[in-house]
Amino acid sequence: MSPDYARHYLFIGLLTLVALVLAIAPLLLSTLVAPKKPGRTKTASYECGLAATGDPWSQFRVQYYLYALLFVVFDVEVVFLYPWALVWKGLGGVALAEAVVFLAILAVGLIYAWKKGLLEWR
């Protein structure tokens, strides 16, 4: 191994060490310097500036999670289609067919969710 090659690894190691120190040092410093005065106001749950009412550990309906999951699926679809849409003219017909298949698979999933009544709010 040449000394120049080893110097590159040394630089990467030094950069990693500096990154770790810069990430961990503020956390440690805040635990040492921050005042510790717990009270009822500081330990109370906070939501949109309103006083919390009821049990904070209440269960949500499963439908909320289904909506969130469907949102994530279609949000990821946009993430995959955006770069394709930027260069679609240069890709040709095969790329168009692949995008249509991708959208068709997602459409089948949406139709399935719709038919199962997952999008109905009861």
N, C-alpha and C. Protein backbone atom coordinates (compact mmCIF):
# COMPACT_ATOMS: atom_id res chain seq x y z
N MET A 1 0.85 -1.16 0.00
CA MET A 1 0.00 0.00 0.00
C MET A 1 0.90 1.23 0.00
N SER A 2 0.62 2.14 -0.89
CA SER A 2 1.45 3.34 -1.00
C SER A 2 1.11 4.32 0.11
N PRO A 3 2.07 5.16 0.50
CA PRO A 3 1.81 6.13 1.57
C PRO A 3 0.71 7.13 1.17
N ASP A 4 0.63 7.46 -0.12
CA ASP A 4 -0.40 8.40 -0.57
C ASP A 4 -1.79 7.79 -0.40
N TYR A 5 -1.89 6.47 -0.67
CA TYR A 5 -3.15 5.75 -0.55
C TYR A 5 -3.58 5.70 0.92
N ALA A 6 -2.64 5.44 1.81
CA ALA A 6 -2.94 5.38 3.24
C ALA A 6 -3.34 6.76 3.78
N ARG A 7 -2.78 7.80 3.21
CA ARG A 7 -3.10 9.15 3.65
C ARG A 7 -4.57 9.48 3.35
N HIS A 8 -5.10 8.95 2.26
CA HIS A 8 -6.51 9.16 1.94
C HIS A 8 -7.40 8.52 2.99
N TYR A 9 -7.04 7.31 3.42
CA TYR A 9 -7.82 6.66 4.47
C TYR A 9 -7.68 7.39 5.79
N LEU A 10 -6.53 7.93 6.06
CA LEU A 10 -6.33 8.71 7.27
C LEU A 10 -7.22 9.96 7.25
N PHE A 11 -7.31 10.59 6.11
CA PHE A 11 -8.15 11.77 5.97
C PHE A 11 -9.62 11.40 6.19
N ILE A 12 -10.07 10.27 5.63
CA ILE A 12 -11.46 9.83 5.82
C ILE A 12 -11.72 9.51 7.29
N GLY A 13 -10.77 8.86 7.95
CA GLY A 13 -10.92 8.56 9.37
C GLY A 13 -10.98 9.82 10.21
N LEU A 14 -10.13 10.80 9.89
CA LEU A 14 -10.13 12.06 10.62
C LEU A 14 -11.44 12.81 10.40
N LEU A 15 -11.94 12.79 9.19
CA LEU A 15 -13.21 13.44 8.89
C LEU A 15 -14.36 12.77 9.63
N THR A 16 -14.33 11.44 9.72
CA THR A 16 -15.36 10.71 10.47
C THR A 16 -15.29 11.05 11.95
N LEU A 17 -14.09 11.12 12.50
CA LEU A 17 -13.92 11.47 13.90
C LEU A 17 -14.43 12.87 14.19
N VAL A 18 -14.12 13.83 13.34
CA VAL A 18 -14.60 15.20 13.52
C VAL A 18 -16.13 15.24 13.43
N ALA A 19 -16.72 14.49 12.50
CA ALA A 19 -18.17 14.46 12.37
C ALA A 19 -18.82 13.89 13.62
N LEU A 20 -18.24 12.83 14.18
CA LEU A 20 -18.78 12.24 15.40
C LEU A 20 -18.67 13.20 16.58
N VAL A 21 -17.53 13.86 16.70
CA VAL A 21 -17.35 14.82 17.79
C VAL A 21 -18.34 15.98 17.66
N LEU A 22 -18.52 16.49 16.45
CA LEU A 22 -19.46 17.60 16.25
C LEU A 22 -20.90 17.18 16.47
N ALA A 23 -21.21 15.91 16.33
CA ALA A 23 -22.57 15.45 16.57
C ALA A 23 -22.81 15.15 18.05
N ILE A 24 -21.83 14.59 18.74
CA ILE A 24 -22.01 14.15 20.11
C ILE A 24 -21.72 15.26 21.12
N ALA A 25 -20.79 16.15 20.81
CA ALA A 25 -20.41 17.20 21.77
C ALA A 25 -21.58 18.09 22.18
N PRO A 26 -22.42 18.59 21.28
CA PRO A 26 -23.54 19.42 21.74
C PRO A 26 -24.52 18.67 22.63
N LEU A 27 -24.71 17.39 22.37
CA LEU A 27 -25.61 16.61 23.21
C LEU A 27 -25.06 16.47 24.63
N LEU A 28 -23.78 16.15 24.73
CA LEU A 28 -23.17 16.04 26.05
C LEU A 28 -23.12 17.39 26.76
N LEU A 29 -22.79 18.43 26.03
CA LEU A 29 -22.72 19.76 26.61
C LEU A 29 -24.07 20.22 27.14
N SER A 30 -25.14 19.92 26.41
CA SER A 30 -26.47 20.34 26.85
C SER A 30 -26.91 19.59 28.10
N THR A 31 -26.52 18.32 28.24
CA THR A 31 -26.88 17.60 29.46
C THR A 31 -26.09 18.10 30.67
N LEU A 32 -24.89 18.61 30.45
CA LEU A 32 -24.10 19.11 31.56
C LEU A 32 -24.50 20.52 31.97
N VAL A 33 -24.86 21.37 31.01
CA VAL A 33 -25.08 22.79 31.28
C VAL A 33 -26.55 23.12 31.52
N ALA A 34 -27.47 22.38 30.93
CA ALA A 34 -28.89 22.73 31.00
C ALA A 34 -29.40 22.66 32.44
N PRO A 35 -30.24 23.63 32.81
CA PRO A 35 -30.83 23.58 34.16
C PRO A 35 -31.84 22.45 34.24
N LYS A 36 -31.85 21.81 35.39
CA LYS A 36 -32.76 20.68 35.60
C LYS A 36 -33.78 21.07 36.67
N LYS A 37 -34.90 21.62 36.20
CA LYS A 37 -35.98 22.03 37.10
C LYS A 37 -37.29 21.42 36.59
N PRO A 38 -37.49 20.13 36.84
CA PRO A 38 -38.73 19.53 36.36
C PRO A 38 -39.93 20.08 37.12
N GLY A 39 -41.02 20.18 36.44
CA GLY A 39 -42.24 20.67 37.06
C GLY A 39 -43.44 20.16 36.30
N ARG A 40 -44.61 20.50 36.81
CA ARG A 40 -45.85 20.02 36.18
C ARG A 40 -45.99 20.56 34.76
N THR A 41 -45.63 21.81 34.56
CA THR A 41 -45.77 22.42 33.24
C THR A 41 -44.79 21.81 32.25
N LYS A 42 -43.56 21.57 32.69
CA LYS A 42 -42.55 21.03 31.77
C LYS A 42 -42.81 19.58 31.40
N THR A 43 -43.41 18.80 32.27
CA THR A 43 -43.64 17.40 31.97
C THR A 43 -45.01 17.14 31.37
N ALA A 44 -45.83 18.16 31.22
CA ALA A 44 -47.15 17.99 30.63
C ALA A 44 -47.01 17.80 29.12
N SER A 45 -47.92 17.01 28.57
CA SER A 45 -47.90 16.84 27.11
C SER A 45 -48.41 18.12 26.46
N TYR A 46 -47.89 18.41 25.29
CA TYR A 46 -48.17 19.67 24.60
C TYR A 46 -48.66 19.36 23.20
N GLU A 47 -49.78 19.96 22.85
CA GLU A 47 -50.29 19.72 21.51
C GLU A 47 -50.92 20.99 20.98
N CYS A 48 -50.26 21.63 20.06
CA CYS A 48 -50.78 22.79 19.33
C CYS A 48 -51.19 23.94 20.25
N GLY A 49 -50.55 24.08 21.37
CA GLY A 49 -50.83 25.20 22.26
C GLY A 49 -52.06 25.01 23.12
N LEU A 50 -52.72 23.88 23.02
CA LEU A 50 -53.91 23.61 23.81
C LEU A 50 -53.57 22.67 24.95
N ALA A 51 -54.31 22.83 26.03
CA ALA A 51 -54.10 21.93 27.16
C ALA A 51 -54.59 20.53 26.78
N ALA A 52 -53.82 19.53 27.11
CA ALA A 52 -54.17 18.16 26.78
C ALA A 52 -55.32 17.69 27.65
N THR A 53 -56.25 16.98 27.04
CA THR A 53 -57.36 16.40 27.79
C THR A 53 -57.43 14.92 27.49
N GLY A 54 -57.85 14.16 28.44
CA GLY A 54 -58.00 12.73 28.24
C GLY A 54 -56.70 11.97 28.43
N ASP A 55 -56.77 10.70 28.15
CA ASP A 55 -55.63 9.81 28.31
C ASP A 55 -54.67 9.99 27.13
N PRO A 56 -53.39 10.25 27.40
CA PRO A 56 -52.46 10.44 26.28
C PRO A 56 -52.14 9.15 25.54
N TRP A 57 -52.46 8.00 26.10
CA TRP A 57 -52.15 6.72 25.47
C TRP A 57 -53.39 6.11 24.83
N SER A 58 -54.22 6.93 24.24
CA SER A 58 -55.40 6.40 23.58
C SER A 58 -55.03 5.74 22.26
N GLN A 59 -55.81 4.77 21.86
CA GLN A 59 -55.54 4.06 20.62
C GLN A 59 -56.19 4.79 19.45
N PHE A 60 -55.50 4.77 18.33
CA PHE A 60 -56.05 5.35 17.11
C PHE A 60 -56.77 4.26 16.34
N ARG A 61 -57.67 4.67 15.51
CA ARG A 61 -58.33 3.70 14.65
C ARG A 61 -57.34 3.19 13.61
N VAL A 62 -57.50 1.96 13.21
CA VAL A 62 -56.61 1.34 12.24
C VAL A 62 -56.68 2.08 10.91
N GLN A 63 -57.81 2.70 10.63
CA GLN A 63 -57.99 3.38 9.36
C GLN A 63 -56.99 4.53 9.18
N TYR A 64 -56.59 5.17 10.25
CA TYR A 64 -55.57 6.22 10.15
C TYR A 64 -54.27 5.64 9.58
N TYR A 65 -53.90 4.48 10.05
CA TYR A 65 -52.67 3.85 9.59
C TYR A 65 -52.79 3.42 8.13
N LEU A 66 -53.96 2.97 7.74
CA LEU A 66 -54.16 2.58 6.34
C LEU A 66 -54.04 3.79 5.42
N TYR A 67 -54.63 4.91 5.83
CA TYR A 67 -54.48 6.12 5.03
C TYR A 67 -53.01 6.53 4.95
N ALA A 68 -52.31 6.46 6.06
CA ALA A 68 -50.88 6.83 6.06
C ALA A 68 -50.09 5.90 5.17
N LEU A 69 -50.38 4.62 5.21
CA LEU A 69 -49.67 3.66 4.37
C LEU A 69 -49.94 3.90 2.89
N LEU A 70 -51.19 4.17 2.55
CA LEU A 70 -51.51 4.47 1.16
C LEU A 70 -50.83 5.76 0.71
N PHE A 71 -50.78 6.75 1.60
CA PHE A 71 -50.10 7.99 1.26
C PHE A 71 -48.62 7.74 0.98
N VAL A 72 -47.98 6.95 1.82
CA VAL A 72 -46.56 6.66 1.62
C VAL A 72 -46.33 5.94 0.30
N VAL A 73 -47.20 4.99 -0.03
CA VAL A 73 -47.04 4.26 -1.29
C VAL A 73 -47.11 5.21 -2.47
N PHE A 74 -48.09 6.10 -2.49
CA PHE A 74 -48.23 6.99 -3.63
C PHE A 74 -47.23 8.14 -3.58
N ASP A 75 -46.72 8.46 -2.42
CA ASP A 75 -45.67 9.45 -2.32
C ASP A 75 -44.36 8.89 -2.89
N VAL A 76 -44.09 7.63 -2.61
CA VAL A 76 -42.90 6.98 -3.17
C VAL A 76 -43.03 6.86 -4.68
N GLU A 77 -44.26 6.67 -5.15
CA GLU A 77 -44.48 6.63 -6.60
C GLU A 77 -44.03 7.93 -7.24
N VAL A 78 -44.35 9.04 -6.64
CA VAL A 78 -43.94 10.33 -7.19
C VAL A 78 -42.42 10.46 -7.17
N VAL A 79 -41.80 9.97 -6.12
CA VAL A 79 -40.34 10.05 -6.02
C VAL A 79 -39.68 9.25 -7.15
N PHE A 80 -40.28 8.11 -7.51
CA PHE A 80 -39.72 7.31 -8.59
C PHE A 80 -40.05 7.90 -9.97
N LEU A 81 -41.20 8.52 -10.10
CA LEU A 81 -41.61 9.02 -11.42
C LEU A 81 -41.01 10.38 -11.75
N TYR A 82 -40.67 11.17 -10.78
CA TYR A 82 -40.15 12.51 -11.05
C TYR A 82 -38.86 12.48 -11.88
N PRO A 83 -37.84 11.71 -11.51
CA PRO A 83 -36.64 11.67 -12.35
C PRO A 83 -36.94 11.11 -13.75
N TRP A 84 -37.84 10.14 -13.82
CA TRP A 84 -38.21 9.59 -15.12
C TRP A 84 -38.86 10.67 -15.98
N ALA A 85 -39.72 11.50 -15.38
CA ALA A 85 -40.43 12.53 -16.14
C ALA A 85 -39.47 13.60 -16.66
N LEU A 86 -38.37 13.81 -15.97
CA LEU A 86 -37.41 14.83 -16.41
C LEU A 86 -36.68 14.42 -17.69
N VAL A 87 -36.47 13.13 -17.88
CA VAL A 87 -35.67 12.67 -19.03
C VAL A 87 -36.43 11.71 -19.93
N TRP A 88 -37.75 11.70 -19.89
CA TRP A 88 -38.52 10.68 -20.60
C TRP A 88 -38.38 10.75 -22.11
N LYS A 89 -38.13 11.92 -22.68
CA LYS A 89 -37.99 12.01 -24.14
C LYS A 89 -36.75 11.27 -24.64
N GLY A 90 -35.70 11.27 -23.86
CA GLY A 90 -34.46 10.61 -24.27
C GLY A 90 -34.42 9.13 -23.97
N LEU A 91 -35.40 8.61 -23.26
CA LEU A 91 -35.36 7.21 -22.84
C LEU A 91 -35.94 6.25 -23.87
N GLY A 92 -36.92 6.68 -24.63
CA GLY A 92 -37.49 5.81 -25.64
C GLY A 92 -38.74 5.09 -25.18
N GLY A 93 -39.23 4.22 -26.06
CA GLY A 93 -40.49 3.53 -25.81
C GLY A 93 -40.44 2.49 -24.72
N VAL A 94 -39.30 1.87 -24.51
CA VAL A 94 -39.18 0.85 -23.46
C VAL A 94 -39.38 1.48 -22.08
N ALA A 95 -38.80 2.64 -21.88
CA ALA A 95 -38.95 3.32 -20.59
C ALA A 95 -40.39 3.77 -20.38
N LEU A 96 -41.06 4.17 -21.44
CA LEU A 96 -42.47 4.54 -21.33
C LEU A 96 -43.30 3.32 -20.94
N ALA A 97 -43.02 2.19 -21.54
CA ALA A 97 -43.74 0.96 -21.20
C ALA A 97 -43.49 0.56 -19.75
N GLU A 98 -42.26 0.71 -19.29
CA GLU A 98 -41.95 0.38 -17.89
C GLU A 98 -42.69 1.30 -16.93
N ALA A 99 -42.78 2.58 -17.26
CA ALA A 99 -43.51 3.51 -16.41
C ALA A 99 -45.00 3.19 -16.39
N VAL A 100 -45.54 2.79 -17.54
CA VAL A 100 -46.95 2.42 -17.60
C VAL A 100 -47.21 1.17 -16.76
N VAL A 101 -46.31 0.20 -16.82
CA VAL A 101 -46.46 -1.00 -15.99
C VAL A 101 -46.38 -0.65 -14.51
N PHE A 102 -45.46 0.23 -14.15
CA PHE A 102 -45.31 0.68 -12.77
C PHE A 102 -46.60 1.34 -12.29
N LEU A 103 -47.16 2.24 -13.10
CA LEU A 103 -48.40 2.91 -12.74
C LEU A 103 -49.57 1.94 -12.70
N ALA A 104 -49.57 0.95 -13.58
CA ALA A 104 -50.64 -0.03 -13.59
C ALA A 104 -50.63 -0.87 -12.31
N ILE A 105 -49.45 -1.25 -11.85
CA ILE A 105 -49.36 -2.02 -10.60
C ILE A 105 -49.90 -1.20 -9.44
N LEU A 106 -49.54 0.08 -9.39
CA LEU A 106 -50.05 0.93 -8.32
C LEU A 106 -51.55 1.17 -8.47
N ALA A 107 -52.05 1.26 -9.70
CA ALA A 107 -53.48 1.44 -9.91
C ALA A 107 -54.25 0.20 -9.45
N VAL A 108 -53.69 -0.98 -9.69
CA VAL A 108 -54.33 -2.21 -9.21
C VAL A 108 -54.40 -2.20 -7.68
N GLY A 109 -53.34 -1.74 -7.03
CA GLY A 109 -53.36 -1.63 -5.57
C GLY A 109 -54.39 -0.64 -5.08
N LEU A 110 -54.52 0.48 -5.77
CA LEU A 110 -55.53 1.47 -5.38
C LEU A 110 -56.94 0.94 -5.59
N ILE A 111 -57.16 0.26 -6.69
CA ILE A 111 -58.48 -0.32 -6.96
C ILE A 111 -58.81 -1.38 -5.91
N TYR A 112 -57.82 -2.18 -5.55
CA TYR A 112 -58.02 -3.19 -4.51
C TYR A 112 -58.42 -2.54 -3.19
N ALA A 113 -57.70 -1.48 -2.80
CA ALA A 113 -58.02 -0.79 -1.55
C ALA A 113 -59.41 -0.17 -1.62
N TRP A 114 -59.76 0.35 -2.78
CA TRP A 114 -61.07 0.97 -2.95
C TRP A 114 -62.18 -0.08 -2.84
N LYS A 115 -61.99 -1.23 -3.50
CA LYS A 115 -62.99 -2.29 -3.47
C LYS A 115 -63.15 -2.90 -2.08
N LYS A 116 -62.05 -2.98 -1.32
CA LYS A 116 -62.12 -3.53 0.03
C LYS A 116 -62.76 -2.54 1.01
N GLY A 117 -62.97 -1.30 0.56
CA GLY A 117 -63.59 -0.29 1.42
C GLY A 117 -62.61 0.39 2.36
N LEU A 118 -61.33 0.30 2.05
CA LEU A 118 -60.34 0.90 2.94
C LEU A 118 -60.34 2.43 2.85
N LEU A 119 -60.88 2.97 1.78
CA LEU A 119 -60.90 4.42 1.62
C LEU A 119 -62.21 5.03 2.11
N GLU A 120 -63.12 4.21 2.58
CA GLU A 120 -64.39 4.69 3.11
C GLU A 120 -64.20 5.09 4.58
N TRP A 121 -64.70 6.26 4.93
CA TRP A 121 -64.60 6.71 6.31
C TRP A 121 -65.89 6.35 7.02
N ARG A 122 -65.77 5.48 8.00
CA ARG A 122 -66.97 5.01 8.71
C ARG A 122 -67.13 5.71 10.03
